[in-house]
């Protein structure tokens, strides 16, 4: 069961701003979400509906899963010190 990944412009800019090595690893992890939406190491965020995060070194990718429509929407891709700030 494959899902569609939606990457808003703001998140794409965050990914593009990462160092090349980290950016490549992040893109690889995002690509893997198509087949496995809740991979080993993903964590459901407390008090948030259907929001998860995956860790890529010191960076975090926050995303939301819509199982009904088979869609994953990326919310943020930032350094761990910045990703949970509103």
PDB file of N, CA and C in Angstrom:
ATOM      1  N   UNK A   1       0.847  -1.173   0.000  1.00  0.00           N
ATOM      2  CA  UNK A   1       0.000   0.000   0.000  1.00  0.00           C
ATOM      3  C   UNK A   1       0.897   1.242   0.000  1.00  0.00           C
ATOM      4  N   UNK A   2       0.905   1.988  -1.087  1.00  0.00           N
ATOM      5  CA  UNK A   2       1.759   3.173  -1.175  1.00  0.00           C
ATOM      6  C   UNK A   2       0.949   4.439  -0.918  1.00  0.00           C
ATOM      7  N   UNK A   3       1.602   5.361  -0.302  1.00  0.00           N
ATOM      8  CA  UNK A   3       0.995   6.641   0.042  1.00  0.00           C
ATOM      9  C   UNK A   3       1.604   7.733  -0.835  1.00  0.00           C
ATOM     10  N   UNK A   4       0.877   8.830  -0.961  1.00  0.00           N
ATOM     11  CA  UNK A   4       1.375  10.006  -1.663  1.00  0.00           C
ATOM     12  C   UNK A   4       1.987  10.938  -0.634  1.00  0.00           C
ATOM     13  N   UNK A   5       3.145  11.492  -0.946  1.00  0.00           N
ATOM     14  CA  UNK A   5       3.804  12.420  -0.038  1.00  0.00           C
ATOM     15  C   UNK A   5       3.631  13.833  -0.567  1.00  0.00           C
ATOM     16  N   UNK A   6       3.134  14.708   0.298  1.00  0.00           N
ATOM     17  CA  UNK A   6       2.969  16.124  -0.050  1.00  0.00           C
ATOM     18  C   UNK A   6       4.050  16.910   0.679  1.00  0.00           C
ATOM     19  N   UNK A   7       4.843  17.640  -0.106  1.00  0.00           N
ATOM     20  CA  UNK A   7       5.920  18.458   0.465  1.00  0.00           C
ATOM     21  C   UNK A   7       5.604  19.924   0.169  1.00  0.00           C
ATOM     22  N   UNK A   8       5.114  20.661   1.171  1.00  0.00           N
ATOM     23  CA  UNK A   8       4.845  22.091   0.964  1.00  0.00           C
ATOM     24  C   UNK A   8       6.136  22.845   0.634  1.00  0.00           C
ATOM     25  N   UNK A   9       5.995  24.003  -0.008  1.00  0.00           N
ATOM     26  CA  UNK A   9       7.159  24.811  -0.395  1.00  0.00           C
ATOM     27  C   UNK A   9       8.041  25.146   0.798  1.00  0.00           C
ATOM     28  N   UNK A  10       7.418  25.475   1.920  1.00  0.00           N
ATOM     29  CA  UNK A  10       8.197  25.869   3.097  1.00  0.00           C
ATOM     30  C   UNK A  10       9.090  24.717   3.574  1.00  0.00           C
ATOM     31  N   UNK A  11       8.582  23.503   3.513  1.00  0.00           N
ATOM     32  CA  UNK A  11       9.374  22.339   3.937  1.00  0.00           C
ATOM     33  C   UNK A  11      10.456  22.038   2.908  1.00  0.00           C
ATOM     34  N   UNK A  12      10.138  22.207   1.635  1.00  0.00           N
ATOM     35  CA  UNK A  12      11.147  21.981   0.597  1.00  0.00           C
ATOM     36  C   UNK A  12      12.312  22.956   0.766  1.00  0.00           C
ATOM     37  N   UNK A  13      12.015  24.194   1.150  1.00  0.00           N
ATOM     38  CA  UNK A  13      13.070  25.180   1.404  1.00  0.00           C
ATOM     39  C   UNK A  13      13.932  24.754   2.586  1.00  0.00           C
ATOM     40  N   UNK A  14      13.295  24.194   3.624  1.00  0.00           N
ATOM     41  CA  UNK A  14      14.047  23.718   4.786  1.00  0.00           C
ATOM     42  C   UNK A  14      14.990  22.585   4.383  1.00  0.00           C
ATOM     43  N   UNK A  15      14.502  21.676   3.552  1.00  0.00           N
ATOM     44  CA  UNK A  15      15.333  20.558   3.093  1.00  0.00           C
ATOM     45  C   UNK A  15      16.480  21.065   2.226  1.00  0.00           C
ATOM     46  N   UNK A  16      16.187  22.004   1.328  1.00  0.00           N
ATOM     47  CA  UNK A  16      17.210  22.555   0.435  1.00  0.00           C
ATOM     48  C   UNK A  16      18.305  23.295   1.203  1.00  0.00           C
ATOM     49  N   UNK A  17      17.965  23.850   2.372  1.00  0.00           N
ATOM     50  CA  UNK A  17      18.927  24.624   3.162  1.00  0.00           C
ATOM     51  C   UNK A  17      19.861  23.738   3.988  1.00  0.00           C
ATOM     52  N   UNK A  18      19.565  22.448   4.063  1.00  0.00           N
ATOM     53  CA  UNK A  18      20.402  21.536   4.850  1.00  0.00           C
ATOM     54  C   UNK A  18      21.729  21.278   4.141  1.00  0.00           C
ATOM     55  N   UNK A  19      22.761  20.899   4.901  1.00  0.00           N
ATOM     56  CA  UNK A  19      24.015  20.473   4.263  1.00  0.00           C
ATOM     57  C   UNK A  19      23.731  19.293   3.329  1.00  0.00           C
ATOM     58  N   UNK A  20      24.504  19.170   2.252  1.00  0.00           N
ATOM     59  CA  UNK A  20      24.253  18.157   1.222  1.00  0.00           C
ATOM     60  C   UNK A  20      24.155  16.738   1.784  1.00  0.00           C
ATOM     61  N   UNK A  21      25.062  16.383   2.658  1.00  0.00           N
ATOM     62  CA  UNK A  21      25.066  15.024   3.209  1.00  0.00           C
ATOM     63  C   UNK A  21      23.769  14.748   3.980  1.00  0.00           C
ATOM     64  N   UNK A  22      23.354  15.695   4.803  1.00  0.00           N
ATOM     65  CA  UNK A  22      22.130  15.542   5.592  1.00  0.00           C
ATOM     66  C   UNK A  22      20.915  15.551   4.670  1.00  0.00           C
ATOM     67  N   UNK A  23      20.915  16.451   3.698  1.00  0.00           N
ATOM     68  CA  UNK A  23      19.799  16.550   2.756  1.00  0.00           C
ATOM     69  C   UNK A  23      19.572  15.228   2.031  1.00  0.00           C
ATOM     70  N   UNK A  24      20.640  14.589   1.587  1.00  0.00           N
ATOM     71  CA  UNK A  24      20.521  13.307   0.898  1.00  0.00           C
ATOM     72  C   UNK A  24      19.904  12.247   1.802  1.00  0.00           C
ATOM     73  N   UNK A  25      20.321  12.225   3.051  1.00  0.00           N
ATOM     74  CA  UNK A  25      19.785  11.246   4.006  1.00  0.00           C
ATOM     75  C   UNK A  25      18.319  11.515   4.301  1.00  0.00           C
ATOM     76  N   UNK A  26      17.941  12.802   4.417  1.00  0.00           N
ATOM     77  CA  UNK A  26      16.552  13.173   4.675  1.00  0.00           C
ATOM     78  C   UNK A  26      15.666  12.750   3.510  1.00  0.00           C
ATOM     79  N   UNK A  27      16.097  13.025   2.294  1.00  0.00           N
ATOM     80  CA  UNK A  27      15.323  12.659   1.110  1.00  0.00           C
ATOM     81  C   UNK A  27      15.145  11.138   1.040  1.00  0.00           C
ATOM     82  N   UNK A  28      16.185  10.412   1.376  1.00  0.00           N
ATOM     83  CA  UNK A  28      16.105   8.947   1.380  1.00  0.00           C
ATOM     84  C   UNK A  28      15.053   8.458   2.383  1.00  0.00           C
ATOM     85  N   UNK A  29      15.057   9.049   3.587  1.00  0.00           N
ATOM     86  CA  UNK A  29      14.071   8.673   4.612  1.00  0.00           C
ATOM     87  C   UNK A  29      12.657   9.021   4.165  1.00  0.00           C
ATOM     88  N   UNK A  30      12.492  10.179   3.543  1.00  0.00           N
ATOM     89  CA  UNK A  30      11.174  10.597   3.058  1.00  0.00           C
ATOM     90  C   UNK A  30      10.686   9.626   1.987  1.00  0.00           C
ATOM     91  N   UNK A  31      11.563   9.232   1.088  1.00  0.00           N
ATOM     92  CA  UNK A  31      11.193   8.277   0.041  1.00  0.00           C
ATOM     93  C   UNK A  31      10.732   6.944   0.637  1.00  0.00           C
ATOM     94  N   UNK A  32      11.332   6.544   1.733  1.00  0.00           N
ATOM     95  CA  UNK A  32      10.959   5.285   2.373  1.00  0.00           C
ATOM     96  C   UNK A  32       9.569   5.341   3.000  1.00  0.00           C
ATOM     97  N   UNK A  33       9.077   6.552   3.309  1.00  0.00           N
ATOM     98  CA  UNK A  33       7.752   6.692   3.909  1.00  0.00           C
ATOM     99  C   UNK A  33       6.637   6.250   2.967  1.00  0.00           C
ATOM    100  N   UNK A  34       6.906   6.249   1.665  1.00  0.00           N
ATOM    101  CA  UNK A  34       5.899   5.825   0.695  1.00  0.00           C
ATOM    102  C   UNK A  34       5.471   4.386   0.985  1.00  0.00           C
ATOM    103  N   UNK A  35       6.425   3.522   1.294  1.00  0.00           N
ATOM    104  CA  UNK A  35       6.132   2.109   1.540  1.00  0.00           C
ATOM    105  C   UNK A  35       5.834   1.804   3.007  1.00  0.00           C
ATOM    106  N   UNK A  36       6.532   2.476   3.924  1.00  0.00           N
ATOM    107  CA  UNK A  36       6.368   2.220   5.359  1.00  0.00           C
ATOM    108  C   UNK A  36       6.154   3.550   6.059  1.00  0.00           C
ATOM    109  N   UNK A  37       4.902   3.858   6.362  1.00  0.00           N
ATOM    110  CA  UNK A  37       4.548   5.158   6.931  1.00  0.00           C
ATOM    111  C   UNK A  37       4.969   5.304   8.392  1.00  0.00           C
ATOM    112  N   UNK A  38       5.121   4.199   9.065  1.00  0.00           N
ATOM    113  CA  UNK A  38       5.531   4.222  10.467  1.00  0.00           C
ATOM    114  C   UNK A  38       6.755   3.318  10.632  1.00  0.00           C
ATOM    115  N   UNK A  39       7.896   3.755  10.075  1.00  0.00           N
ATOM    116  CA  UNK A  39       9.088   2.891  10.120  1.00  0.00           C
ATOM    117  C   UNK A  39       9.618   2.751  11.541  1.00  0.00           C
ATOM    118  N   UNK A  40      10.471   1.764  11.719  1.00  0.00           N
ATOM    119  CA  UNK A  40      11.106   1.583  13.022  1.00  0.00           C
ATOM    120  C   UNK A  40      11.867   2.859  13.354  1.00  0.00           C
ATOM    121  N   UNK A  41      11.671   3.346  14.565  1.00  0.00           N
ATOM    122  CA  UNK A  41      12.329   4.580  14.974  1.00  0.00           C
ATOM    123  C   UNK A  41      11.433   5.796  14.854  1.00  0.00           C
ATOM    124  N   UNK A  42      10.295   5.679  14.162  1.00  0.00           N
ATOM    125  CA  UNK A  42       9.380   6.819  14.096  1.00  0.00           C
ATOM    126  C   UNK A  42       8.641   6.892  15.426  1.00  0.00           C
ATOM    127  N   UNK A  43       8.323   8.097  15.835  1.00  0.00           N
ATOM    128  CA  UNK A  43       7.667   8.297  17.119  1.00  0.00           C
ATOM    129  C   UNK A  43       6.432   9.142  16.910  1.00  0.00           C
ATOM    130  N   UNK A  44       5.301   8.673  17.494  1.00  0.00           N
ATOM    131  CA  UNK A  44       4.066   9.458  17.443  1.00  0.00           C
ATOM    132  C   UNK A  44       4.202  10.585  18.456  1.00  0.00           C
ATOM    133  N   UNK A  45       3.873  11.801  18.027  1.00  0.00           N
ATOM    134  CA  UNK A  45       3.999  12.948  18.917  1.00  0.00           C
ATOM    135  C   UNK A  45       2.788  13.028  19.836  1.00  0.00           C
ATOM    136  N   UNK A  46       3.042  13.242  21.105  1.00  0.00           N
ATOM    137  CA  UNK A  46       1.976  13.294  22.097  1.00  0.00           C
ATOM    138  C   UNK A  46       1.104  14.517  21.880  1.00  0.00           C
ATOM    139  N   UNK A  47      -0.173  14.373  22.193  1.00  0.00           N
ATOM    140  CA  UNK A  47      -1.161  15.453  22.121  1.00  0.00           C
ATOM    141  C   UNK A  47      -1.380  15.977  20.713  1.00  0.00           C
ATOM    142  N   UNK A  48      -0.928  15.268  19.710  1.00  0.00           N
ATOM    143  CA  UNK A  48      -1.134  15.683  18.326  1.00  0.00           C
ATOM    144  C   UNK A  48      -1.700  14.498  17.555  1.00  0.00           C
ATOM    145  N   UNK A  49      -2.792  14.722  16.825  1.00  0.00           N
ATOM    146  CA  UNK A  49      -3.425  13.646  16.073  1.00  0.00           C
ATOM    147  C   UNK A  49      -2.620  13.310  14.829  1.00  0.00           C
ATOM    148  N   UNK A  50      -2.284  12.054  14.685  1.00  0.00           N
ATOM    149  CA  UNK A  50      -1.652  11.525  13.478  1.00  0.00           C
ATOM    150  C   UNK A  50      -0.335  12.190  13.100  1.00  0.00           C
ATOM    151  N   UNK A  51       0.365  12.803  14.048  1.00  0.00           N
ATOM    152  CA  UNK A  51       1.663  13.406  13.748  1.00  0.00           C
ATOM    153  C   UNK A  51       2.782  12.527  14.285  1.00  0.00           C
ATOM    154  N   UNK A  52       3.793  12.362  13.451  1.00  0.00           N
ATOM    155  CA  UNK A  52       4.935  11.527  13.766  1.00  0.00           C
ATOM    156  C   UNK A  52       6.213  12.281  13.454  1.00  0.00           C
ATOM    157  N   UNK A  53       7.328  11.736  13.916  1.00  0.00           N
ATOM    158  CA  UNK A  53       8.611  12.300  13.543  1.00  0.00           C
ATOM    159  C   UNK A  53       9.602  11.184  13.333  1.00  0.00           C
ATOM    160  N   UNK A  54      10.520  11.422  12.401  1.00  0.00           N
ATOM    161  CA  UNK A  54      11.631  10.505  12.200  1.00  0.00           C
ATOM    162  C   UNK A  54      12.909  11.291  12.414  1.00  0.00           C
ATOM    163  N   UNK A  55      13.919  10.585  12.876  1.00  0.00           N
ATOM    164  CA  UNK A  55      15.200  11.196  13.219  1.00  0.00           C
ATOM    165  C   UNK A  55      16.208  10.906  12.119  1.00  0.00           C
ATOM    166  N   UNK A  56      16.917  11.963  11.708  1.00  0.00           N
ATOM    167  CA  UNK A  56      18.014  11.823  10.751  1.00  0.00           C
ATOM    168  C   UNK A  56      19.181  12.598  11.350  1.00  0.00           C
ATOM    169  N   UNK A  57      20.019  11.904  12.107  1.00  0.00           N
ATOM    170  CA  UNK A  57      21.111  12.581  12.809  1.00  0.00           C
ATOM    171  C   UNK A  57      20.550  13.561  13.817  1.00  0.00           C
ATOM    172  N   UNK A  58      20.984  14.814  13.743  1.00  0.00           N
ATOM    173  CA  UNK A  58      20.494  15.856  14.643  1.00  0.00           C
ATOM    174  C   UNK A  58      19.258  16.553  14.091  1.00  0.00           C
ATOM    175  N   UNK A  59      18.728  16.075  12.992  1.00  0.00           N
ATOM    176  CA  UNK A  59      17.569  16.687  12.352  1.00  0.00           C
ATOM    177  C   UNK A  59      16.333  15.817  12.528  1.00  0.00           C
ATOM    178  N   UNK A  60      15.180  16.468  12.502  1.00  0.00           N
ATOM    179  CA  UNK A  60      13.915  15.768  12.655  1.00  0.00           C
ATOM    180  C   UNK A  60      12.999  16.124  11.488  1.00  0.00           C
ATOM    181  N   UNK A  61      12.252  15.132  11.015  1.00  0.00           N
ATOM    182  CA  UNK A  61      11.244  15.349   9.984  1.00  0.00           C
ATOM    183  C   UNK A  61       9.904  15.060  10.639  1.00  0.00           C
ATOM    184  N   UNK A  62       9.075  16.100  10.762  1.00  0.00           N
ATOM    185  CA  UNK A  62       7.728  15.927  11.310  1.00  0.00           C
ATOM    186  C   UNK A  62       6.766  15.751  10.147  1.00  0.00           C
ATOM    187  N   UNK A  63       5.841  14.815  10.307  1.00  0.00           N
ATOM    188  CA  UNK A  63       4.874  14.574   9.247  1.00  0.00           C
ATOM    189  C   UNK A  63       3.552  14.099   9.827  1.00  0.00           C
ATOM    190  N   UNK A  64       2.516  14.237   9.018  1.00  0.00           N
ATOM    191  CA  UNK A  64       1.161  13.869   9.403  1.00  0.00           C
ATOM    192  C   UNK A  64       0.670  12.793   8.437  1.00  0.00           C
ATOM    193  N   UNK A  65       0.027  11.771   8.966  1.00  0.00           N
ATOM    194  CA  UNK A  65      -0.467  10.672   8.140  1.00  0.00           C
ATOM    195  C   UNK A  65      -1.986  10.736   8.058  1.00  0.00           C
ATOM    196  N   UNK A  66      -2.509  10.709   6.839  1.00  0.00           N
ATOM    197  CA  UNK A  66      -3.946  10.619   6.596  1.00  0.00           C
ATOM    198  C   UNK A  66      -4.193   9.240   5.968  1.00  0.00           C
ATOM    199  N   UNK A  67      -4.513   8.263   6.831  1.00  0.00           N
ATOM    200  CA  UNK A  67      -4.683   6.890   6.361  1.00  0.00           C
ATOM    201  C   UNK A  67      -5.884   6.740   5.437  1.00  0.00           C
ATOM    202  N   UNK A  68      -6.907   7.517   5.672  1.00  0.00           N
ATOM    203  CA  UNK A  68      -8.122   7.408   4.863  1.00  0.00           C
ATOM    204  C   UNK A  68      -7.858   7.756   3.397  1.00  0.00           C
ATOM    205  N   UNK A  69      -7.078   8.812   3.166  1.00  0.00           N
ATOM    206  CA  UNK A  69      -6.771   9.252   1.802  1.00  0.00           C
ATOM    207  C   UNK A  69      -5.401   8.776   1.318  1.00  0.00           C
ATOM    208  N   UNK A  70      -4.696   8.043   2.157  1.00  0.00           N
ATOM    209  CA  UNK A  70      -3.356   7.534   1.856  1.00  0.00           C
ATOM    210  C   UNK A  70      -2.407   8.669   1.459  1.00  0.00           C
ATOM    211  N   UNK A  71      -2.332   9.669   2.341  1.00  0.00           N
ATOM    212  CA  UNK A  71      -1.504  10.844   2.100  1.00  0.00           C
ATOM    213  C   UNK A  71      -0.621  11.098   3.318  1.00  0.00           C
ATOM    214  N   UNK A  72       0.626  11.448   3.049  1.00  0.00           N
ATOM    215  CA  UNK A  72       1.554  11.898   4.094  1.00  0.00           C
ATOM    216  C   UNK A  72       1.911  13.340   3.766  1.00  0.00           C
ATOM    217  N   UNK A  73       1.698  14.231   4.733  1.00  0.00           N
ATOM    218  CA  UNK A  73       2.029  15.647   4.547  1.00  0.00           C
ATOM    219  C   UNK A  73       3.191  15.981   5.459  1.00  0.00           C
ATOM    220  N   UNK A  74       4.290  16.443   4.865  1.00  0.00           N
ATOM    221  CA  UNK A  74       5.440  16.863   5.663  1.00  0.00           C
ATOM    222  C   UNK A  74       5.127  18.198   6.312  1.00  0.00           C
ATOM    223  N   UNK A  75       5.495  18.322   7.575  1.00  0.00           N
ATOM    224  CA  UNK A  75       5.207  19.545   8.328  1.00  0.00           C
ATOM    225  C   UNK A  75       6.455  20.384   8.574  1.00  0.00           C
ATOM    226  N   UNK A  76       7.565  19.721   8.880  1.00  0.00           N
ATOM    227  CA  UNK A  76       8.818  20.426   9.160  1.00  0.00           C
ATOM    228  C   UNK A  76       9.999  19.505   8.940  1.00  0.00           C
ATOM    229  N   UNK A  77      11.130  20.113   8.649  1.00  0.00           N
ATOM    230  CA  UNK A  77      12.397  19.399   8.596  1.00  0.00           C
ATOM    231  C   UNK A  77      13.446  20.374   9.114  1.00  0.00           C
ATOM    232  N   UNK A  78      13.751  20.251  10.405  1.00  0.00           N
ATOM    233  CA  UNK A  78      14.651  21.203  11.045  1.00  0.00           C
ATOM    234  C   UNK A  78      15.566  20.491  12.032  1.00  0.00           C
ATOM    235  N   UNK A  79      16.533  21.257  12.528  1.00  0.00           N
ATOM    236  CA  UNK A  79      17.418  20.769  13.582  1.00  0.00           C
ATOM    237  C   UNK A  79      16.573  20.471  14.817  1.00  0.00           C
ATOM    238  N   UNK A  80      17.013  19.516  15.599  1.00  0.00           N
ATOM    239  CA  UNK A  80      16.216  19.073  16.742  1.00  0.00           C
ATOM    240  C   UNK A  80      15.924  20.185  17.749  1.00  0.00           C
ATOM    241  N   UNK A  81      16.779  21.178  17.835  1.00  0.00           N
ATOM    242  CA  UNK A  81      16.538  22.267  18.796  1.00  0.00           C
ATOM    243  C   UNK A  81      15.432  23.206  18.332  1.00  0.00           C
ATOM    244  N   UNK A  82      15.100  23.185  17.035  1.00  0.00           N
ATOM    245  CA  UNK A  82      14.128  24.117  16.488  1.00  0.00           C
ATOM    246  C   UNK A  82      12.804  23.485  16.066  1.00  0.00           C
ATOM    247  N   UNK A  83      12.772  22.180  15.916  1.00  0.00           N
ATOM    248  CA  UNK A  83      11.616  21.546  15.262  1.00  0.00           C
ATOM    249  C   UNK A  83      10.332  21.599  16.085  1.00  0.00           C
ATOM    250  N   UNK A  84      10.404  21.661  17.401  1.00  0.00           N
ATOM    251  CA  UNK A  84       9.194  21.628  18.214  1.00  0.00           C
ATOM    252  C   UNK A  84       8.716  23.007  18.631  1.00  0.00           C
ATOM    253  N   UNK A  85       9.433  24.031  18.261  1.00  0.00           N
ATOM    254  CA  UNK A  85       9.026  25.411  18.596  1.00  0.00           C
ATOM    255  C   UNK A  85       7.917  25.847  17.660  1.00  0.00           C
ATOM    256  N   UNK A  86       6.984  26.582  18.180  1.00  0.00           N
ATOM    257  CA  UNK A  86       5.860  27.086  17.368  1.00  0.00           C
ATOM    258  C   UNK A  86       6.195  28.401  16.728  1.00  0.00           C
TER     259      UNK A  86
END
